[in-house]
Amino acid sequence: MRQAAIALSATPPLGPLSDEAAIVLGDLLPRIFALYTMAQEREVHTANVPAAFAVASAAVEEEDDDDGLF
């Protein structure tokens, strides 16, 4: 991930997205968001995704037995 971040930070910003890219990202980014298992991951995603692709809300499953892993 660090290498990807370095490569992306060295890349010049893109211009406006094409309509096709906006459609693909509009479908893909919410799917990625749904895969996160920790609230902090969702916060990082939300902070780095353009507002046009923000997920309005996320359904978070809560277990009655929070200590099930320990």
Protein backbone atom coordinates (compact mmCIF):
# COMPACT_ATOMS: atom_id res chain seq x y z
CA MET A 1 0.00 0.00 0.00
CA ARG A 2 2.87 2.33 0.76
CA GLN A 3 4.31 1.81 -2.72
CA ALA A 4 0.93 2.51 -4.30
CA ALA A 5 0.58 5.70 -2.25
CA ILE A 6 4.04 6.86 -3.34
CA ALA A 7 3.29 6.14 -7.00
CA LEU A 8 -0.08 7.88 -6.84
CA SER A 9 1.31 10.93 -5.05
CA ALA A 10 3.85 11.38 -7.86
CA THR A 11 1.14 11.24 -10.52
CA PRO A 12 -0.24 14.59 -11.71
CA PRO A 13 -3.92 15.18 -10.95
CA LEU A 14 -6.40 13.99 -13.54
CA GLY A 15 -8.82 16.29 -15.29
CA PRO A 16 -12.56 15.83 -15.02
CA LEU A 17 -13.76 12.23 -15.15
CA SER A 18 -15.37 10.94 -18.29
CA ASP A 19 -19.02 9.91 -18.08
CA GLU A 20 -17.96 6.27 -18.40
CA ALA A 21 -15.46 6.57 -15.53
CA ALA A 22 -18.07 8.26 -13.34
CA ILE A 23 -20.51 5.41 -13.96
CA VAL A 24 -17.91 2.75 -13.15
CA LEU A 25 -16.73 4.55 -10.00
CA GLY A 26 -20.31 5.20 -8.93
CA ASP A 27 -20.81 1.43 -8.87
CA LEU A 28 -17.37 0.35 -7.65
CA LEU A 29 -16.69 2.73 -4.75
CA PRO A 30 -19.81 1.85 -2.72
CA ARG A 31 -18.97 -1.84 -3.18
CA ILE A 32 -15.47 -1.23 -1.84
CA PHE A 33 -16.92 0.76 1.07
CA ALA A 34 -19.19 -2.18 1.97
CA LEU A 35 -16.18 -4.51 2.28
CA TYR A 36 -14.59 -2.58 5.14
CA THR A 37 -14.95 -4.24 8.52
CA MET A 38 -13.68 -1.45 10.76
CA ALA A 39 -15.21 1.98 11.27
CA GLN A 40 -11.80 3.60 10.80
CA GLU A 41 -11.52 2.04 7.33
CA ARG A 42 -14.88 3.52 6.38
CA GLU A 43 -13.81 6.94 7.70
CA VAL A 44 -10.60 6.87 5.62
CA HIS A 45 -12.58 5.83 2.53
CA THR A 46 -15.11 8.62 3.04
CA ALA A 47 -12.37 11.21 3.55
CA ASN A 48 -10.64 10.25 0.29
CA VAL A 49 -13.55 9.68 -2.09
CA PRO A 50 -14.93 12.63 -4.06
CA ALA A 51 -18.25 13.86 -2.68
CA ALA A 52 -20.06 12.76 -5.83
CA PHE A 53 -19.24 9.14 -4.94
CA ALA A 54 -19.80 9.30 -1.18
CA VAL A 55 -21.87 6.56 0.40
CA ALA A 56 -24.92 8.11 2.07
CA SER A 57 -25.02 5.62 4.93
CA ALA A 58 -23.67 2.25 5.81
CA ALA A 59 -25.50 -0.58 7.43
CA VAL A 60 -23.28 -1.87 10.20
CA GLU A 61 -24.03 -5.24 11.66
CA GLU A 62 -23.69 -5.42 15.41
CA GLU A 63 -23.32 -8.61 17.32
CA ASP A 64 -24.73 -9.16 20.76
CA ASP A 65 -21.54 -11.00 21.72
CA ASP A 66 -18.73 -8.51 21.10
CA ASP A 67 -16.23 -10.76 22.85
CA GLY A 68 -16.79 -13.66 20.46
CA LEU A 69 -13.30 -13.40 19.03
CA PHE A 70 -11.49 -13.48 22.35
